[in-house]
């Protein structure tokens, strides 16, 4: 005799409450005169670039995984920006990088300060990892409000736990910004 399949409720009970509390992540574009919600370029890549990418894909072996660490890319990016290769993180798009970063930095109650509008993934993942999203509106001309971001990041409720050990933020002032 075959065991009974678990109920939908039993299966859902395995999912973290923070995940169950979220609305489904959708890619529906909001009604707006210009599509700006995914940080896309309004211009397509030149045909010469497309051809170069296609040639590189054709030349690569399809039966093997790519190198675990893209050493040449990391070194070139580091050199271009005056950094060290070990300090460069690359991934398969911004969503993967946002998830990787928040998964190792956000815990229960951790504030995640972001300008808004921005990727909805910050708010979603902050909640999934037990943190709380702290939105800071852009200026009227759609620029970062650096002073407001600094005030939000330096708010006394943020000075606790891992965050305060990371940068000793207790000295936040307009002249002494957080590490970002």
N, C-alpha and C. Protein backbone atom coordinates (compact mmCIF):
# COMPACT_ATOMS: atom_id res chain seq x y z
N UNK A 1 0.84 -1.19 0.00
CA UNK A 1 0.00 0.00 0.00
C UNK A 1 0.89 1.25 0.00
N UNK A 2 0.53 2.20 -0.79
CA UNK A 2 1.28 3.45 -0.95
C UNK A 2 0.90 4.45 0.14
N UNK A 3 1.90 5.14 0.72
CA UNK A 3 1.56 6.15 1.73
C UNK A 3 0.81 7.31 1.08
N UNK A 4 -0.04 7.93 1.85
CA UNK A 4 -0.82 9.07 1.35
C UNK A 4 0.11 10.25 1.07
N UNK A 5 -0.19 10.97 0.03
CA UNK A 5 0.58 12.17 -0.30
C UNK A 5 0.33 13.23 0.78
N UNK A 6 1.36 14.00 1.11
CA UNK A 6 1.14 15.03 2.12
C UNK A 6 0.17 16.09 1.61
N UNK A 7 -0.53 16.70 2.52
CA UNK A 7 -1.48 17.75 2.13
C UNK A 7 -0.72 19.01 1.72
N UNK A 8 -1.41 19.88 1.03
CA UNK A 8 -0.81 21.15 0.63
C UNK A 8 -0.40 21.94 1.87
N UNK A 9 -1.22 21.87 2.92
CA UNK A 9 -0.90 22.60 4.15
C UNK A 9 0.39 22.06 4.78
N UNK A 10 0.56 20.73 4.76
CA UNK A 10 1.77 20.13 5.32
C UNK A 10 3.00 20.54 4.51
N UNK A 11 2.84 20.59 3.20
CA UNK A 11 3.96 20.99 2.35
C UNK A 11 4.30 22.46 2.59
N UNK A 12 3.29 23.32 2.70
CA UNK A 12 3.53 24.75 2.94
C UNK A 12 4.16 24.99 4.31
N UNK A 13 3.88 24.12 5.28
CA UNK A 13 4.45 24.29 6.62
C UNK A 13 5.97 24.16 6.60
N UNK A 14 6.52 23.54 5.56
CA UNK A 14 7.97 23.41 5.44
C UNK A 14 8.64 24.71 5.00
N UNK A 15 7.86 25.62 4.45
CA UNK A 15 8.38 26.88 3.93
C UNK A 15 8.44 27.92 5.06
N UNK A 16 9.54 28.67 5.12
CA UNK A 16 9.69 29.69 6.16
C UNK A 16 8.51 30.65 6.14
N UNK A 17 8.02 31.06 7.32
CA UNK A 17 6.90 32.01 7.37
C UNK A 17 7.21 33.31 6.63
N UNK A 18 8.47 33.77 6.67
CA UNK A 18 8.84 35.01 5.99
C UNK A 18 8.67 34.89 4.48
N UNK A 19 8.86 33.69 3.96
CA UNK A 19 8.67 33.46 2.52
C UNK A 19 7.18 33.37 2.21
N UNK A 20 6.43 32.63 3.04
CA UNK A 20 4.99 32.48 2.80
C UNK A 20 4.27 33.83 2.88
N UNK A 21 4.79 34.77 3.64
CA UNK A 21 4.14 36.07 3.81
C UNK A 21 4.29 36.98 2.59
N UNK A 22 5.15 36.63 1.66
CA UNK A 22 5.41 37.48 0.50
C UNK A 22 4.40 37.25 -0.61
N UNK A 23 4.09 38.31 -1.32
CA UNK A 23 3.29 38.18 -2.55
C UNK A 23 4.20 37.58 -3.62
N UNK A 24 3.60 36.97 -4.60
CA UNK A 24 4.38 36.38 -5.70
C UNK A 24 5.21 37.46 -6.38
N UNK A 25 6.43 37.11 -6.73
CA UNK A 25 7.32 38.03 -7.46
C UNK A 25 6.90 38.01 -8.91
N UNK A 26 6.52 39.16 -9.43
CA UNK A 26 6.07 39.22 -10.82
C UNK A 26 6.93 40.22 -11.59
N UNK A 27 6.88 40.11 -12.88
CA UNK A 27 7.62 41.03 -13.73
C UNK A 27 6.67 41.92 -14.52
N UNK A 28 5.46 42.08 -14.03
CA UNK A 28 4.50 42.94 -14.72
C UNK A 28 5.00 44.38 -14.66
N UNK A 29 5.10 44.99 -15.82
CA UNK A 29 5.57 46.38 -15.88
C UNK A 29 4.47 47.32 -15.41
N UNK A 30 4.80 48.26 -14.53
CA UNK A 30 3.80 49.23 -14.10
C UNK A 30 3.45 50.17 -15.25
N UNK A 31 2.26 50.73 -15.20
CA UNK A 31 1.86 51.69 -16.23
C UNK A 31 2.66 52.97 -16.03
N UNK A 32 3.49 53.30 -17.00
CA UNK A 32 4.33 54.50 -16.90
C UNK A 32 4.74 54.91 -18.30
N UNK A 33 5.03 56.20 -18.50
CA UNK A 33 5.43 56.66 -19.84
C UNK A 33 6.73 56.02 -20.33
N UNK A 34 7.65 55.68 -19.41
CA UNK A 34 8.92 55.05 -19.78
C UNK A 34 9.17 53.84 -18.89
N UNK A 35 9.68 52.77 -19.48
CA UNK A 35 9.99 51.55 -18.72
C UNK A 35 11.37 51.72 -18.08
N UNK A 36 11.39 51.94 -16.77
CA UNK A 36 12.65 52.14 -16.06
C UNK A 36 12.81 51.17 -14.89
N UNK A 37 11.86 50.24 -14.72
CA UNK A 37 11.84 49.42 -13.51
C UNK A 37 12.86 48.30 -13.47
N UNK A 38 13.58 48.02 -14.55
CA UNK A 38 14.53 46.91 -14.52
C UNK A 38 15.94 47.34 -14.91
N UNK A 39 16.19 48.64 -14.90
CA UNK A 39 17.53 49.16 -15.17
C UNK A 39 18.08 48.69 -16.51
N UNK A 40 17.22 48.61 -17.50
CA UNK A 40 17.64 48.18 -18.83
C UNK A 40 18.08 49.39 -19.66
N UNK A 41 18.93 49.11 -20.63
CA UNK A 41 19.33 50.16 -21.55
C UNK A 41 18.24 50.32 -22.61
N UNK A 42 17.97 51.54 -23.02
CA UNK A 42 17.00 51.72 -24.10
C UNK A 42 17.59 51.37 -25.47
N UNK A 43 18.89 51.12 -25.52
CA UNK A 43 19.58 50.86 -26.78
C UNK A 43 20.02 49.40 -26.86
N UNK A 44 19.81 48.78 -28.02
CA UNK A 44 20.25 47.40 -28.23
C UNK A 44 21.77 47.37 -28.41
N UNK A 45 22.35 46.21 -28.21
CA UNK A 45 23.79 46.05 -28.43
C UNK A 45 24.08 46.11 -29.93
N UNK A 46 25.24 46.63 -30.32
CA UNK A 46 25.60 46.69 -31.75
C UNK A 46 25.74 45.28 -32.32
N UNK A 47 25.44 45.14 -33.61
CA UNK A 47 25.56 43.83 -34.27
C UNK A 47 26.96 43.26 -34.15
N UNK A 48 27.99 44.11 -34.20
CA UNK A 48 29.36 43.61 -34.09
C UNK A 48 29.60 42.94 -32.73
N UNK A 49 29.03 43.49 -31.68
CA UNK A 49 29.16 42.89 -30.35
C UNK A 49 28.39 41.58 -30.29
N UNK A 50 27.19 41.56 -30.85
CA UNK A 50 26.40 40.32 -30.87
C UNK A 50 27.15 39.21 -31.60
N UNK A 51 27.76 39.56 -32.73
CA UNK A 51 28.52 38.57 -33.50
C UNK A 51 29.73 38.06 -32.71
N UNK A 52 30.41 38.94 -32.02
CA UNK A 52 31.57 38.53 -31.21
C UNK A 52 31.15 37.58 -30.09
N UNK A 53 30.03 37.88 -29.45
CA UNK A 53 29.52 37.00 -28.38
C UNK A 53 29.13 35.65 -28.95
N UNK A 54 28.42 35.64 -30.07
CA UNK A 54 28.02 34.37 -30.70
C UNK A 54 29.24 33.55 -31.09
N UNK A 55 30.27 34.19 -31.61
CA UNK A 55 31.50 33.47 -31.99
C UNK A 55 32.16 32.86 -30.76
N UNK A 56 32.19 33.59 -29.65
CA UNK A 56 32.79 33.06 -28.42
C UNK A 56 31.99 31.88 -27.89
N UNK A 57 30.67 31.96 -27.97
CA UNK A 57 29.81 30.85 -27.50
C UNK A 57 30.02 29.63 -28.39
N UNK A 58 30.09 29.84 -29.70
CA UNK A 58 30.32 28.72 -30.63
C UNK A 58 31.66 28.04 -30.36
N UNK A 59 32.68 28.81 -30.03
CA UNK A 59 34.03 28.27 -29.84
C UNK A 59 34.21 27.57 -28.49
N UNK A 60 33.36 27.86 -27.53
CA UNK A 60 33.49 27.27 -26.19
C UNK A 60 32.97 25.83 -26.19
N UNK A 61 33.58 24.95 -25.39
CA UNK A 61 33.04 23.58 -25.28
C UNK A 61 31.70 23.61 -24.54
N UNK A 62 30.71 22.91 -25.09
CA UNK A 62 29.38 22.89 -24.50
C UNK A 62 29.19 21.72 -23.54
N UNK A 63 30.16 20.84 -23.48
CA UNK A 63 30.01 19.64 -22.66
C UNK A 63 30.66 19.79 -21.29
N UNK A 64 31.17 20.95 -20.95
CA UNK A 64 31.84 21.18 -19.67
C UNK A 64 31.31 22.46 -19.02
N UNK A 65 31.34 22.46 -17.70
CA UNK A 65 31.00 23.69 -16.99
C UNK A 65 32.08 24.73 -17.26
N UNK A 66 31.73 25.99 -17.20
CA UNK A 66 32.76 27.03 -17.33
C UNK A 66 33.66 26.99 -16.10
N UNK A 67 34.80 27.66 -16.15
CA UNK A 67 35.68 27.69 -14.97
C UNK A 67 34.92 28.19 -13.74
N UNK A 68 35.23 27.61 -12.59
CA UNK A 68 34.54 28.01 -11.35
C UNK A 68 34.75 29.49 -11.06
N UNK A 69 35.97 29.93 -11.17
CA UNK A 69 36.28 31.35 -10.95
C UNK A 69 36.75 31.95 -12.27
N UNK A 70 36.06 32.95 -12.76
CA UNK A 70 36.49 33.60 -14.01
C UNK A 70 37.69 34.52 -13.75
N UNK A 71 38.83 33.91 -13.52
CA UNK A 71 40.03 34.63 -13.07
C UNK A 71 40.38 35.83 -13.96
N UNK A 72 40.39 35.63 -15.27
CA UNK A 72 40.76 36.72 -16.17
C UNK A 72 39.79 37.89 -16.03
N UNK A 73 38.49 37.61 -15.98
CA UNK A 73 37.49 38.66 -15.82
C UNK A 73 37.69 39.40 -14.50
N UNK A 74 37.88 38.65 -13.42
CA UNK A 74 38.08 39.28 -12.11
C UNK A 74 39.31 40.18 -12.10
N UNK A 75 40.39 39.70 -12.70
CA UNK A 75 41.62 40.50 -12.74
C UNK A 75 41.45 41.76 -13.57
N UNK A 76 40.76 41.63 -14.70
CA UNK A 76 40.58 42.81 -15.57
C UNK A 76 39.66 43.84 -14.91
N UNK A 77 38.58 43.37 -14.27
CA UNK A 77 37.68 44.30 -13.57
C UNK A 77 38.41 44.99 -12.42
N UNK A 78 39.19 44.22 -11.67
CA UNK A 78 39.94 44.79 -10.55
C UNK A 78 40.92 45.84 -11.04
N UNK A 79 41.66 45.53 -12.10
CA UNK A 79 42.64 46.48 -12.64
C UNK A 79 41.95 47.75 -13.13
N UNK A 80 40.82 47.59 -13.77
CA UNK A 80 40.10 48.75 -14.32
C UNK A 80 39.64 49.70 -13.22
N UNK A 81 39.28 49.12 -12.06
CA UNK A 81 38.72 49.95 -10.98
C UNK A 81 39.67 50.14 -9.81
N UNK A 82 40.96 49.77 -9.99
CA UNK A 82 41.93 49.99 -8.93
C UNK A 82 41.65 49.19 -7.68
N UNK A 83 41.28 47.95 -7.85
CA UNK A 83 40.89 47.09 -6.74
C UNK A 83 41.69 45.80 -6.84
N UNK A 84 41.45 44.87 -5.92
CA UNK A 84 42.10 43.56 -5.97
C UNK A 84 41.09 42.54 -6.48
N UNK A 85 41.57 41.56 -7.24
CA UNK A 85 40.67 40.56 -7.83
C UNK A 85 39.88 39.80 -6.78
N UNK A 86 40.48 39.54 -5.62
CA UNK A 86 39.77 38.83 -4.56
C UNK A 86 38.61 39.64 -3.98
N UNK A 87 38.57 40.93 -4.27
CA UNK A 87 37.51 41.78 -3.77
C UNK A 87 36.41 42.04 -4.78
N UNK A 88 36.43 41.34 -5.91
CA UNK A 88 35.43 41.53 -6.96
C UNK A 88 34.48 40.34 -6.95
N UNK A 89 33.19 40.62 -6.96
CA UNK A 89 32.16 39.58 -7.00
C UNK A 89 31.41 39.71 -8.31
N UNK A 90 31.34 38.63 -9.06
CA UNK A 90 30.57 38.62 -10.30
C UNK A 90 29.50 37.55 -10.18
N UNK A 91 28.45 37.69 -10.96
CA UNK A 91 27.37 36.71 -10.91
C UNK A 91 26.54 36.77 -12.17
N UNK A 92 25.50 35.97 -12.17
CA UNK A 92 24.59 35.88 -13.31
C UNK A 92 23.48 36.91 -13.18
N UNK A 93 23.83 38.17 -13.21
CA UNK A 93 22.84 39.22 -13.14
C UNK A 93 22.72 39.80 -11.74
N UNK A 94 22.07 40.96 -11.67
CA UNK A 94 21.98 41.68 -10.40
C UNK A 94 21.16 40.92 -9.36
N UNK A 95 20.11 40.20 -9.77
CA UNK A 95 19.31 39.47 -8.79
C UNK A 95 20.17 38.49 -8.01
N UNK A 96 21.05 37.75 -8.69
CA UNK A 96 21.91 36.79 -8.02
C UNK A 96 22.87 37.49 -7.06
N UNK A 97 23.41 38.62 -7.47
CA UNK A 97 24.35 39.35 -6.61
C UNK A 97 23.65 39.96 -5.40
N UNK A 98 22.44 40.48 -5.60
CA UNK A 98 21.66 41.02 -4.48
C UNK A 98 21.36 39.90 -3.49
N UNK A 99 20.91 38.75 -3.99
CA UNK A 99 20.59 37.63 -3.11
C UNK A 99 21.82 37.14 -2.36
N UNK A 100 22.95 37.00 -3.06
CA UNK A 100 24.18 36.54 -2.41
C UNK A 100 24.60 37.51 -1.30
N UNK A 101 24.52 38.79 -1.57
CA UNK A 101 24.94 39.79 -0.59
C UNK A 101 24.01 39.81 0.62
N UNK A 102 22.70 39.85 0.38
CA UNK A 102 21.77 39.93 1.50
C UNK A 102 21.73 38.63 2.29
N UNK A 103 21.95 37.49 1.64
CA UNK A 103 21.89 36.21 2.37
C UNK A 103 22.99 36.10 3.42
N UNK A 104 24.10 36.79 3.24
CA UNK A 104 25.19 36.71 4.22
C UNK A 104 25.27 37.94 5.13
N UNK A 105 24.42 38.94 4.92
CA UNK A 105 24.50 40.14 5.74
C UNK A 105 23.22 40.45 6.51
N UNK A 106 22.09 39.88 6.12
CA UNK A 106 20.81 40.24 6.73
C UNK A 106 20.30 39.12 7.62
N UNK A 107 19.97 39.47 8.85
CA UNK A 107 19.37 38.54 9.79
C UNK A 107 18.16 39.19 10.43
N UNK A 108 17.68 38.60 11.50
CA UNK A 108 16.48 39.10 12.18
C UNK A 108 16.62 40.57 12.55
N UNK A 109 15.73 41.39 12.00
CA UNK A 109 15.69 42.81 12.33
C UNK A 109 16.71 43.69 11.64
N UNK A 110 17.60 43.12 10.82
CA UNK A 110 18.62 43.93 10.15
C UNK A 110 17.96 44.92 9.19
N UNK A 111 18.25 46.21 9.32
CA UNK A 111 17.69 47.17 8.36
C UNK A 111 18.44 47.10 7.03
N UNK A 112 17.69 47.19 5.95
CA UNK A 112 18.26 47.23 4.61
C UNK A 112 17.83 48.57 4.01
N UNK A 113 18.74 49.53 3.99
CA UNK A 113 18.46 50.89 3.53
C UNK A 113 18.69 50.95 2.03
N UNK A 114 17.66 51.36 1.28
CA UNK A 114 17.80 51.50 -0.17
C UNK A 114 17.10 52.76 -0.65
N UNK A 115 17.59 53.31 -1.76
CA UNK A 115 16.81 54.37 -2.40
C UNK A 115 15.58 53.74 -3.05
N UNK A 116 14.52 54.51 -3.18
CA UNK A 116 13.34 54.04 -3.90
C UNK A 116 12.91 55.12 -4.88
N UNK A 117 12.49 54.73 -6.07
CA UNK A 117 12.30 53.34 -6.50
C UNK A 117 13.64 52.65 -6.79
N UNK A 118 13.61 51.33 -6.61
CA UNK A 118 14.75 50.48 -6.92
C UNK A 118 14.22 49.08 -7.19
N UNK A 119 15.12 48.13 -7.34
CA UNK A 119 14.70 46.75 -7.56
C UNK A 119 13.81 46.30 -6.40
N UNK A 120 12.68 45.68 -6.71
CA UNK A 120 11.78 45.20 -5.66
C UNK A 120 12.40 44.04 -4.88
N UNK A 121 13.44 43.45 -5.42
CA UNK A 121 14.08 42.31 -4.76
C UNK A 121 14.70 42.68 -3.42
N UNK A 122 15.16 43.91 -3.25
CA UNK A 122 15.72 44.32 -1.96
C UNK A 122 14.67 44.17 -0.86
N UNK A 123 13.48 44.71 -1.08
CA UNK A 123 12.41 44.64 -0.09
C UNK A 123 12.02 43.19 0.17
N UNK A 124 11.83 42.44 -0.91
CA UNK A 124 11.42 41.04 -0.80
C UNK A 124 12.45 40.22 -0.02
N UNK A 125 13.71 40.30 -0.40
CA UNK A 125 14.74 39.49 0.25
C UNK A 125 15.03 39.96 1.67
N UNK A 126 14.93 41.25 1.93
CA UNK A 126 15.10 41.73 3.31
C UNK A 126 14.08 41.03 4.20
N UNK A 127 12.84 40.96 3.75
CA UNK A 127 11.80 40.29 4.54
C UNK A 127 12.04 38.79 4.65
N UNK A 128 12.43 38.15 3.56
CA UNK A 128 12.67 36.70 3.57
C UNK A 128 13.79 36.34 4.55
N UNK A 129 14.81 37.18 4.64
CA UNK A 129 15.93 36.90 5.55
C UNK A 129 15.68 37.45 6.96
N UNK A 130 14.48 37.97 7.21
CA UNK A 130 14.13 38.43 8.55
C UNK A 130 14.46 39.89 8.82
N UNK A 131 14.98 40.58 7.83
CA UNK A 131 15.33 41.99 8.00
C UNK A 131 14.13 42.88 7.74
N UNK A 132 14.40 44.17 7.71
CA UNK A 132 13.32 45.12 7.39
C UNK A 132 13.85 46.14 6.39
N UNK A 133 13.03 46.42 5.41
CA UNK A 133 13.40 47.36 4.36
C UNK A 133 13.18 48.78 4.86
N UNK A 134 14.17 49.64 4.66
CA UNK A 134 14.08 51.05 5.03
C UNK A 134 14.21 51.85 3.73
N UNK A 135 13.06 52.23 3.12
CA UNK A 135 13.12 52.96 1.85
C UNK A 135 13.43 54.44 2.05
N UNK A 136 14.25 54.98 1.16
CA UNK A 136 14.59 56.40 1.16
C UNK A 136 14.29 56.93 -0.24
N UNK A 137 13.31 57.85 -0.36
CA UNK A 137 12.94 58.35 -1.70
C UNK A 137 14.08 59.08 -2.40
N UNK A 138 14.06 59.00 -3.73
CA UNK A 138 14.99 59.79 -4.54
C UNK A 138 14.61 61.27 -4.43
N UNK A 139 15.50 62.13 -4.85
CA UNK A 139 15.20 63.56 -4.87
C UNK A 139 14.19 63.83 -5.99
N UNK A 140 13.59 65.03 -6.03
CA UNK A 140 12.64 65.33 -7.10
C UNK A 140 13.22 65.19 -8.51
N UNK A 141 14.55 65.34 -8.65
CA UNK A 141 15.15 65.17 -9.98
C UNK A 141 15.72 63.75 -10.16
N UNK A 142 15.21 62.80 -9.37
CA UNK A 142 15.55 61.37 -9.49
C UNK A 142 17.02 61.06 -9.22
N UNK A 143 17.62 61.80 -8.31
CA UNK A 143 18.99 61.53 -7.90
C UNK A 143 18.95 60.90 -6.51
N UNK A 144 20.08 60.30 -6.09
CA UNK A 144 20.16 59.77 -4.74
C UNK A 144 20.16 60.92 -3.74
N UNK A 145 19.38 60.79 -2.69
CA UNK A 145 19.40 61.76 -1.60
C UNK A 145 20.43 61.25 -0.59
N UNK A 146 21.69 61.58 -0.85
CA UNK A 146 22.81 61.02 -0.07
C UNK A 146 22.67 61.35 1.41
N UNK A 147 22.25 62.58 1.73
CA UNK A 147 22.09 62.95 3.14
C UNK A 147 21.00 62.11 3.80
N UNK A 148 19.88 61.91 3.12
CA UNK A 148 18.80 61.09 3.69
C UNK A 148 19.22 59.64 3.83
N UNK A 149 19.97 59.12 2.84
CA UNK A 149 20.48 57.75 2.95
C UNK A 149 21.42 57.62 4.14
N UNK A 150 22.29 58.61 4.33
CA UNK A 150 23.22 58.58 5.46
C UNK A 150 22.46 58.65 6.78
N UNK A 151 21.44 59.51 6.85
CA UNK A 151 20.64 59.60 8.08
C UNK A 151 19.96 58.27 8.37
N UNK A 152 19.39 57.64 7.34
CA UNK A 152 18.71 56.35 7.54
C UNK A 152 19.70 55.27 7.95
N UNK A 153 20.88 55.26 7.33
CA UNK A 153 21.89 54.25 7.65
C UNK A 153 22.49 54.48 9.02
N UNK A 154 22.50 55.71 9.49
CA UNK A 154 23.12 56.04 10.78
C UNK A 154 22.10 56.19 11.90
N UNK A 155 20.85 55.82 11.64
CA UNK A 155 19.81 55.93 12.66
C UNK A 155 20.21 55.10 13.87
N UNK A 156 19.96 55.59 15.09
CA UNK A 156 20.38 54.84 16.28
C UNK A 156 19.87 53.40 16.35
N UNK A 157 18.72 53.12 15.77
CA UNK A 157 18.21 51.74 15.84
C UNK A 157 19.04 50.79 14.99
N UNK A 158 19.89 51.33 14.12
CA UNK A 158 20.71 50.48 13.25
C UNK A 158 22.02 50.10 13.92
N UNK A 159 22.42 50.82 14.94
CA UNK A 159 23.72 50.58 15.57
C UNK A 159 23.64 49.43 16.56
N UNK A 160 23.68 48.22 16.03
CA UNK A 160 23.64 47.04 16.89
C UNK A 160 24.16 45.85 16.12
N UNK A 161 24.46 44.79 16.81
CA UNK A 161 24.81 43.52 16.20
C UNK A 161 25.96 43.61 15.22
N UNK A 162 25.92 42.74 14.22
CA UNK A 162 26.98 42.65 13.22
C UNK A 162 27.28 43.98 12.58
N UNK A 163 26.26 44.76 12.31
CA UNK A 163 26.44 46.02 11.58
C UNK A 163 27.40 46.93 12.34
N UNK A 164 27.23 47.06 13.65
CA UNK A 164 28.09 47.99 14.38
C UNK A 164 29.52 47.47 14.43
N UNK A 165 29.72 46.16 14.43
CA UNK A 165 31.08 45.61 14.41
C UNK A 165 31.73 45.85 13.05
N UNK A 166 30.90 45.87 11.97
CA UNK A 166 31.46 46.02 10.62
C UNK A 166 32.16 47.35 10.43
N UNK A 167 31.57 48.42 10.92
CA UNK A 167 32.17 49.70 10.60
C UNK A 167 32.19 50.68 11.75
N UNK A 168 31.79 50.27 12.94
CA UNK A 168 31.73 51.19 14.07
C UNK A 168 31.01 52.46 13.64
N UNK A 169 29.75 52.30 13.27
CA UNK A 169 28.97 53.40 12.69
C UNK A 169 28.60 54.46 13.71
N UNK A 170 28.99 54.32 14.95
CA UNK A 170 28.56 55.26 15.98
C UNK A 170 29.00 56.69 15.67
N UNK A 171 29.98 56.86 14.78
CA UNK A 171 30.45 58.20 14.46
C UNK A 171 29.83 58.79 13.21
N UNK A 172 28.66 58.35 12.80
CA UNK A 172 28.04 58.86 11.57
C UNK A 172 27.77 60.35 11.70
N UNK A 173 28.12 61.08 10.67
CA UNK A 173 27.84 62.50 10.57
C UNK A 173 27.89 62.85 9.10
N UNK A 174 27.46 64.06 8.70
CA UNK A 174 27.54 64.41 7.28
C UNK A 174 28.95 64.29 6.71
N UNK A 175 29.98 64.48 7.54
CA UNK A 175 31.36 64.37 7.04
C UNK A 175 31.88 62.94 7.13
N UNK A 176 31.26 62.10 7.92
CA UNK A 176 31.74 60.73 8.10
C UNK A 176 30.64 59.77 7.70
N UNK A 177 30.61 59.42 6.46
CA UNK A 177 29.57 58.57 5.91
C UNK A 177 29.83 57.10 6.21
N UNK A 178 28.76 56.27 6.18
CA UNK A 178 28.98 54.82 6.25
C UNK A 178 29.84 54.37 5.07
N UNK A 179 30.30 53.15 5.11
CA UNK A 179 31.25 52.64 4.11
C UNK A 179 30.75 52.68 2.69
N UNK A 180 29.49 52.76 2.43
CA UNK A 180 29.00 52.75 1.05
C UNK A 180 29.24 54.08 0.41
